[in-house]
Amino acid sequence: MAVIDSRDKEALAKLQKMSGGGTQAVIDLVGATETATLGVASLRKGGKYVVCGLFGGEIPVSLVPMAQRCIAIQGSYVGTVAELKEVVALARAGKLKSIPIETRSLDQVERSLQELKDGKIVGRVVLKM
C-alpha cells in the first residue's frame, strides 16, 4: 500500500515500479481529475479503480483500452474515515478473505444462471469457453 502525489512527474513510473508492472487496485480518496488519471493509468490488466473522494474531477478514459485491459471503475461512498482506516488495517494484516471464485465449463451456463437467480451463488462463477 502506498500514497503517491499525483502531481509528481514520476508518479506513474513509481507506481509501476512499486507494484511490479501495474497496480491491482487503486482506492482514490481524492476524486480529482489528476488522481483519477494516474489511478486508471497505473492499473494492470484486470485491475480495479475505486473512487471514494468527492473532489469533483473527471475520468478521461478511452473505452477501447479499458476493454482490452479488462479494467473496472467503481464508485463508493459509504462509511466514515475511521471505518476506512479499520478496513485498510485489516487489508494490511491480511485478514480480509477473498471472494470465492468457481470455474465451470460453458455447458454449465443454464445451471449457473438458475443458481444465480435462486441466490445460491456465493462469490463468483467464471464460465470457461
N, C-alpha and C. Protein backbone atom coordinates (compact mmCIF):
# COMPACT_ATOMS: atom_id res chain seq x y z
N MET A 1 0.85 -1.16 0.00
CA MET A 1 0.00 0.00 0.00
C MET A 1 0.90 1.23 0.00
N ALA A 2 0.51 2.24 -0.80
CA ALA A 2 1.34 3.45 -0.89
C ALA A 2 0.47 4.67 -1.12
N VAL A 3 1.02 5.81 -0.77
CA VAL A 3 0.40 7.09 -1.07
C VAL A 3 1.34 7.80 -2.03
N ILE A 4 0.82 8.22 -3.19
CA ILE A 4 1.62 8.86 -4.23
C ILE A 4 1.01 10.22 -4.55
N ASP A 5 1.85 11.23 -4.70
CA ASP A 5 1.40 12.56 -5.10
C ASP A 5 1.20 12.56 -6.61
N SER A 6 -0.02 12.72 -7.06
CA SER A 6 -0.33 12.66 -8.49
C SER A 6 0.33 13.79 -9.27
N ARG A 7 0.78 14.84 -8.60
CA ARG A 7 1.45 15.95 -9.28
C ARG A 7 2.91 15.65 -9.59
N ASP A 8 3.45 14.61 -8.99
CA ASP A 8 4.84 14.20 -9.23
C ASP A 8 4.95 13.66 -10.65
N LYS A 9 5.88 14.21 -11.44
CA LYS A 9 6.04 13.80 -12.84
C LYS A 9 6.43 12.32 -12.97
N GLU A 10 7.00 11.77 -11.92
CA GLU A 10 7.42 10.37 -11.93
C GLU A 10 6.42 9.46 -11.21
N ALA A 11 5.25 9.97 -10.91
CA ALA A 11 4.27 9.21 -10.12
C ALA A 11 3.91 7.87 -10.78
N LEU A 12 3.60 7.88 -12.07
CA LEU A 12 3.21 6.64 -12.75
C LEU A 12 4.36 5.65 -12.75
N ALA A 13 5.56 6.11 -13.06
CA ALA A 13 6.73 5.22 -13.07
C ALA A 13 6.96 4.64 -11.68
N LYS A 14 6.80 5.45 -10.65
CA LYS A 14 6.97 4.97 -9.27
C LYS A 14 5.94 3.90 -8.93
N LEU A 15 4.69 4.15 -9.30
CA LEU A 15 3.64 3.16 -9.03
C LEU A 15 3.91 1.85 -9.75
N GLN A 16 4.30 1.94 -11.01
CA GLN A 16 4.56 0.73 -11.78
C GLN A 16 5.75 -0.04 -11.21
N LYS A 17 6.78 0.68 -10.77
CA LYS A 17 7.94 0.01 -10.18
C LYS A 17 7.56 -0.65 -8.86
N MET A 18 6.85 0.08 -8.01
CA MET A 18 6.46 -0.45 -6.70
C MET A 18 5.55 -1.66 -6.81
N SER A 19 4.73 -1.68 -7.86
CA SER A 19 3.73 -2.75 -7.99
C SER A 19 4.19 -3.87 -8.91
N GLY A 20 5.38 -3.77 -9.45
CA GLY A 20 5.86 -4.83 -10.33
C GLY A 20 5.21 -4.82 -11.70
N GLY A 21 4.87 -3.65 -12.20
CA GLY A 21 4.32 -3.54 -13.56
C GLY A 21 2.92 -2.99 -13.65
N GLY A 22 2.29 -2.75 -12.57
CA GLY A 22 0.94 -2.18 -12.58
C GLY A 22 0.20 -2.55 -11.31
N THR A 23 -0.68 -1.67 -10.88
CA THR A 23 -1.40 -1.91 -9.64
C THR A 23 -2.59 -2.83 -9.87
N GLN A 24 -2.90 -3.63 -8.88
CA GLN A 24 -4.08 -4.50 -8.95
C GLN A 24 -5.33 -3.70 -8.63
N ALA A 25 -5.19 -2.74 -7.71
CA ALA A 25 -6.33 -1.93 -7.31
C ALA A 25 -5.86 -0.56 -6.85
N VAL A 26 -6.70 0.44 -7.07
CA VAL A 26 -6.43 1.80 -6.63
C VAL A 26 -7.67 2.30 -5.90
N ILE A 27 -7.48 2.84 -4.70
CA ILE A 27 -8.56 3.50 -3.97
C ILE A 27 -8.22 4.98 -3.98
N ASP A 28 -9.01 5.75 -4.71
CA ASP A 28 -8.79 7.19 -4.85
C ASP A 28 -9.63 7.93 -3.82
N LEU A 29 -8.97 8.43 -2.79
CA LEU A 29 -9.67 9.12 -1.72
C LEU A 29 -9.84 10.61 -1.99
N VAL A 30 -9.34 11.08 -3.15
CA VAL A 30 -9.45 12.49 -3.51
C VAL A 30 -10.57 12.69 -4.53
N GLY A 31 -10.50 11.99 -5.65
CA GLY A 31 -11.52 12.13 -6.68
C GLY A 31 -11.30 13.31 -7.60
N ALA A 32 -10.05 13.70 -7.80
CA ALA A 32 -9.72 14.79 -8.73
C ALA A 32 -9.34 14.19 -10.08
N THR A 33 -9.38 15.00 -11.13
CA THR A 33 -9.01 14.53 -12.46
C THR A 33 -7.60 13.95 -12.45
N GLU A 34 -6.67 14.61 -11.77
CA GLU A 34 -5.27 14.15 -11.74
C GLU A 34 -5.14 12.80 -11.05
N THR A 35 -5.83 12.62 -9.94
CA THR A 35 -5.71 11.36 -9.21
C THR A 35 -6.41 10.23 -9.98
N ALA A 36 -7.51 10.55 -10.64
CA ALA A 36 -8.22 9.55 -11.44
C ALA A 36 -7.38 9.12 -12.63
N THR A 37 -6.79 10.09 -13.32
CA THR A 37 -5.95 9.79 -14.49
C THR A 37 -4.79 8.89 -14.09
N LEU A 38 -4.11 9.24 -13.01
CA LEU A 38 -2.99 8.43 -12.53
C LEU A 38 -3.47 7.05 -12.09
N GLY A 39 -4.54 7.01 -11.34
CA GLY A 39 -5.04 5.73 -10.84
C GLY A 39 -5.40 4.76 -11.94
N VAL A 40 -6.13 5.23 -12.93
CA VAL A 40 -6.54 4.35 -14.04
C VAL A 40 -5.33 3.95 -14.88
N ALA A 41 -4.42 4.89 -15.14
CA ALA A 41 -3.23 4.59 -15.95
C ALA A 41 -2.33 3.56 -15.28
N SER A 42 -2.35 3.50 -13.96
CA SER A 42 -1.45 2.60 -13.23
C SER A 42 -1.95 1.16 -13.15
N LEU A 43 -3.20 0.92 -13.53
CA LEU A 43 -3.78 -0.41 -13.37
C LEU A 43 -3.17 -1.44 -14.32
N ARG A 44 -2.95 -2.63 -13.79
CA ARG A 44 -2.53 -3.75 -14.64
C ARG A 44 -3.78 -4.36 -15.26
N LYS A 45 -3.61 -5.30 -16.15
CA LYS A 45 -4.75 -5.97 -16.77
C LYS A 45 -5.60 -6.61 -15.68
N GLY A 46 -6.90 -6.34 -15.73
CA GLY A 46 -7.83 -6.87 -14.74
C GLY A 46 -7.90 -6.05 -13.47
N GLY A 47 -7.24 -4.88 -13.45
CA GLY A 47 -7.20 -4.04 -12.26
C GLY A 47 -8.51 -3.30 -12.01
N LYS A 48 -8.63 -2.76 -10.81
CA LYS A 48 -9.86 -2.07 -10.41
C LYS A 48 -9.53 -0.72 -9.79
N TYR A 49 -10.22 0.31 -10.25
CA TYR A 49 -10.08 1.67 -9.72
C TYR A 49 -11.37 1.99 -8.97
N VAL A 50 -11.23 2.36 -7.69
CA VAL A 50 -12.39 2.71 -6.86
C VAL A 50 -12.22 4.15 -6.41
N VAL A 51 -13.22 4.98 -6.73
CA VAL A 51 -13.17 6.38 -6.31
C VAL A 51 -14.12 6.59 -5.13
N CYS A 52 -13.57 7.14 -4.06
CA CYS A 52 -14.35 7.47 -2.87
C CYS A 52 -14.42 8.98 -2.67
N GLY A 53 -13.37 9.66 -3.14
CA GLY A 53 -13.27 11.11 -2.96
C GLY A 53 -14.28 11.87 -3.79
N LEU A 54 -14.69 13.01 -3.29
CA LEU A 54 -15.74 13.80 -3.95
C LEU A 54 -15.22 15.17 -4.38
N PHE A 55 -13.95 15.23 -4.81
CA PHE A 55 -13.38 16.50 -5.23
C PHE A 55 -14.09 17.05 -6.46
N GLY A 56 -14.55 16.16 -7.33
CA GLY A 56 -15.33 16.61 -8.49
C GLY A 56 -14.59 16.55 -9.81
N GLY A 57 -13.61 15.68 -9.92
CA GLY A 57 -12.86 15.56 -11.17
C GLY A 57 -13.59 14.71 -12.19
N GLU A 58 -12.91 14.49 -13.30
CA GLU A 58 -13.43 13.65 -14.38
C GLU A 58 -12.41 12.56 -14.68
N ILE A 59 -12.90 11.46 -15.25
CA ILE A 59 -12.01 10.37 -15.64
C ILE A 59 -11.92 10.35 -17.16
N PRO A 60 -10.79 10.78 -17.71
CA PRO A 60 -10.62 10.73 -19.16
C PRO A 60 -10.13 9.34 -19.58
N VAL A 61 -11.06 8.45 -19.88
CA VAL A 61 -10.72 7.06 -20.20
C VAL A 61 -11.21 6.72 -21.60
N SER A 62 -10.29 6.18 -22.40
CA SER A 62 -10.67 5.68 -23.72
C SER A 62 -11.26 4.28 -23.53
N LEU A 63 -12.40 4.02 -24.14
CA LEU A 63 -13.10 2.76 -23.90
C LEU A 63 -12.39 1.54 -24.48
N VAL A 64 -11.70 1.68 -25.60
CA VAL A 64 -11.03 0.52 -26.20
C VAL A 64 -9.94 -0.03 -25.27
N PRO A 65 -8.99 0.79 -24.79
CA PRO A 65 -8.00 0.24 -23.86
C PRO A 65 -8.63 -0.27 -22.56
N MET A 66 -9.73 0.34 -22.15
CA MET A 66 -10.41 -0.12 -20.94
C MET A 66 -10.88 -1.56 -21.13
N ALA A 67 -11.48 -1.84 -22.27
CA ALA A 67 -11.94 -3.20 -22.56
C ALA A 67 -10.76 -4.14 -22.76
N GLN A 68 -9.74 -3.70 -23.49
CA GLN A 68 -8.58 -4.55 -23.74
C GLN A 68 -7.85 -4.92 -22.46
N ARG A 69 -7.79 -4.00 -21.53
CA ARG A 69 -7.08 -4.24 -20.27
C ARG A 69 -8.00 -4.84 -19.20
N CYS A 70 -9.29 -4.97 -19.52
CA CYS A 70 -10.26 -5.56 -18.59
C CYS A 70 -10.26 -4.85 -17.24
N ILE A 71 -10.21 -3.52 -17.27
CA ILE A 71 -10.20 -2.79 -16.01
C ILE A 71 -11.61 -2.42 -15.60
N ALA A 72 -11.79 -2.25 -14.30
CA ALA A 72 -13.09 -1.89 -13.75
C ALA A 72 -12.97 -0.55 -13.04
N ILE A 73 -14.00 0.27 -13.18
CA ILE A 73 -14.08 1.55 -12.50
C ILE A 73 -15.32 1.52 -11.64
N GLN A 74 -15.16 1.84 -10.36
CA GLN A 74 -16.29 1.74 -9.43
C GLN A 74 -16.29 2.93 -8.49
N GLY A 75 -17.48 3.39 -8.18
CA GLY A 75 -17.64 4.45 -7.19
C GLY A 75 -18.05 3.87 -5.86
N SER A 76 -17.66 4.54 -4.78
CA SER A 76 -18.01 4.07 -3.45
C SER A 76 -18.15 5.27 -2.52
N TYR A 77 -19.27 5.36 -1.85
CA TYR A 77 -19.50 6.46 -0.92
C TYR A 77 -20.20 5.90 0.31
N VAL A 78 -19.45 5.17 1.09
CA VAL A 78 -20.01 4.51 2.27
C VAL A 78 -18.99 4.57 3.39
N GLY A 79 -19.45 4.77 4.59
CA GLY A 79 -18.59 4.67 5.75
C GLY A 79 -17.93 5.97 6.15
N THR A 80 -17.24 5.88 7.27
CA THR A 80 -16.55 7.03 7.84
C THR A 80 -15.05 6.88 7.64
N VAL A 81 -14.31 7.92 7.92
CA VAL A 81 -12.85 7.84 7.83
C VAL A 81 -12.32 6.78 8.80
N ALA A 82 -12.89 6.71 9.98
CA ALA A 82 -12.47 5.71 10.97
C ALA A 82 -12.69 4.29 10.44
N GLU A 83 -13.82 4.07 9.78
CA GLU A 83 -14.10 2.74 9.21
C GLU A 83 -13.14 2.43 8.07
N LEU A 84 -12.81 3.44 7.26
CA LEU A 84 -11.85 3.23 6.18
C LEU A 84 -10.50 2.83 6.75
N LYS A 85 -10.06 3.52 7.80
CA LYS A 85 -8.78 3.18 8.44
C LYS A 85 -8.80 1.76 8.97
N GLU A 86 -9.93 1.35 9.52
CA GLU A 86 -10.05 -0.01 10.05
C GLU A 86 -9.95 -1.04 8.92
N VAL A 87 -10.62 -0.79 7.81
CA VAL A 87 -10.57 -1.71 6.67
C VAL A 87 -9.16 -1.78 6.09
N VAL A 88 -8.50 -0.64 5.95
CA VAL A 88 -7.13 -0.63 5.44
C VAL A 88 -6.22 -1.42 6.37
N ALA A 89 -6.38 -1.27 7.67
CA ALA A 89 -5.57 -2.02 8.63
C ALA A 89 -5.82 -3.52 8.50
N LEU A 90 -7.06 -3.91 8.30
CA LEU A 90 -7.38 -5.33 8.10
C LEU A 90 -6.74 -5.85 6.82
N ALA A 91 -6.79 -5.06 5.75
CA ALA A 91 -6.18 -5.47 4.48
C ALA A 91 -4.67 -5.63 4.64
N ARG A 92 -4.04 -4.68 5.30
CA ARG A 92 -2.59 -4.77 5.52
C ARG A 92 -2.22 -6.01 6.33
N ALA A 93 -3.06 -6.37 7.27
CA ALA A 93 -2.80 -7.53 8.13
C ALA A 93 -3.17 -8.85 7.45
N GLY A 94 -3.72 -8.77 6.23
CA GLY A 94 -4.11 -9.98 5.51
C GLY A 94 -5.31 -10.68 6.09
N LYS A 95 -6.18 -9.93 6.76
CA LYS A 95 -7.34 -10.54 7.43
C LYS A 95 -8.63 -10.47 6.63
N LEU A 96 -8.57 -9.95 5.41
CA LEU A 96 -9.77 -9.91 4.57
C LEU A 96 -9.77 -11.14 3.66
N LYS A 97 -10.86 -11.86 3.66
CA LYS A 97 -10.96 -13.06 2.84
C LYS A 97 -11.27 -12.69 1.40
N SER A 98 -10.72 -13.47 0.48
CA SER A 98 -11.01 -13.27 -0.93
C SER A 98 -12.41 -13.76 -1.25
N ILE A 99 -12.99 -13.21 -2.29
CA ILE A 99 -14.30 -13.67 -2.76
C ILE A 99 -14.10 -15.04 -3.40
N PRO A 100 -14.91 -16.04 -3.05
CA PRO A 100 -14.78 -17.36 -3.67
C PRO A 100 -15.07 -17.27 -5.17
N ILE A 101 -14.22 -17.92 -5.96
CA ILE A 101 -14.39 -17.95 -7.41
C ILE A 101 -14.41 -19.41 -7.85
N GLU A 102 -15.49 -19.80 -8.51
CA GLU A 102 -15.62 -21.17 -9.02
C GLU A 102 -15.58 -21.12 -10.54
N THR A 103 -14.80 -22.01 -11.14
CA THR A 103 -14.73 -22.09 -12.60
C THR A 103 -15.55 -23.29 -13.07
N ARG A 104 -16.40 -23.04 -14.06
CA ARG A 104 -17.24 -24.10 -14.63
C ARG A 104 -17.10 -24.10 -16.14
N SER A 105 -17.44 -25.22 -16.75
CA SER A 105 -17.42 -25.30 -18.21
C SER A 105 -18.64 -24.56 -18.76
N LEU A 106 -18.53 -24.14 -20.00
CA LEU A 106 -19.58 -23.35 -20.64
C LEU A 106 -20.92 -24.09 -20.68
N ASP A 107 -20.88 -25.43 -20.71
CA ASP A 107 -22.14 -26.17 -20.74
C ASP A 107 -22.91 -26.09 -19.42
N GLN A 108 -22.33 -25.46 -18.42
CA GLN A 108 -22.99 -25.27 -17.13
C GLN A 108 -23.68 -23.90 -17.03
N VAL A 109 -23.82 -23.20 -18.16
CA VAL A 109 -24.36 -21.84 -18.14
C VAL A 109 -25.79 -21.80 -17.61
N GLU A 110 -26.66 -22.71 -18.04
CA GLU A 110 -28.05 -22.71 -17.58
C GLU A 110 -28.13 -22.93 -16.07
N ARG A 111 -27.39 -23.93 -15.60
CA ARG A 111 -27.36 -24.23 -14.16
C ARG A 111 -26.85 -23.02 -13.38
N SER A 112 -25.80 -22.39 -13.89
CA SER A 112 -25.20 -21.25 -13.21
C SER A 112 -26.17 -20.08 -13.13
N LEU A 113 -26.87 -19.81 -14.23
CA LEU A 113 -27.86 -18.72 -14.24
C LEU A 113 -29.00 -18.99 -13.26
N GLN A 114 -29.45 -20.25 -13.22
CA GLN A 114 -30.53 -20.60 -12.30
C GLN A 114 -30.08 -20.44 -10.84
N GLU A 115 -28.87 -20.90 -10.55
CA GLU A 115 -28.34 -20.76 -9.18
C GLU A 115 -28.17 -19.28 -8.82
N LEU A 116 -27.78 -18.47 -9.80
CA LEU A 116 -27.65 -17.03 -9.56
C LEU A 116 -29.01 -16.42 -9.24
N LYS A 117 -30.04 -16.78 -10.02
CA LYS A 117 -31.40 -16.28 -9.76
C LYS A 117 -31.92 -16.72 -8.39
N ASP A 118 -31.57 -17.95 -8.01
CA ASP A 118 -32.03 -18.51 -6.73
C ASP A 118 -31.21 -18.04 -5.54
N GLY A 119 -30.18 -17.25 -5.79
CA GLY A 119 -29.35 -16.75 -4.71
C GLY A 119 -28.42 -17.79 -4.10
N LYS A 120 -28.09 -18.81 -4.88
CA LYS A 120 -27.25 -19.90 -4.38
C LYS A 120 -25.76 -19.71 -4.70
N ILE A 121 -25.44 -18.71 -5.50
CA ILE A 121 -24.04 -18.45 -5.85
C ILE A 121 -23.40 -17.60 -4.76
N VAL A 122 -22.34 -18.10 -4.19
CA VAL A 122 -21.56 -17.34 -3.21
C VAL A 122 -20.27 -16.94 -3.90
N GLY A 123 -20.01 -15.66 -4.02
CA GLY A 123 -18.81 -15.20 -4.72
C GLY A 123 -19.08 -15.05 -6.21
N ARG A 124 -18.21 -15.65 -7.02
CA ARG A 124 -18.32 -15.51 -8.47
C ARG A 124 -18.21 -16.87 -9.14
N VAL A 125 -18.88 -17.01 -10.29
CA VAL A 125 -18.72 -18.18 -11.14
C VAL A 125 -18.17 -17.70 -12.47
N VAL A 126 -17.09 -18.32 -12.92
CA VAL A 126 -16.48 -17.99 -14.20
C VAL A 126 -16.73 -19.16 -15.14
N LEU A 127 -17.27 -18.87 -16.32
CA LEU A 127 -17.53 -19.91 -17.31
C LEU A 127 -16.37 -19.96 -18.31
N LYS A 128 -15.78 -21.15 -18.46
CA LYS A 128 -14.66 -21.34 -19.39
C LYS A 128 -15.19 -21.74 -20.76
N MET A 129 -14.61 -21.13 -21.77
CA MET A 129 -15.01 -21.48 -23.14
C MET A 129 -14.07 -22.50 -23.71
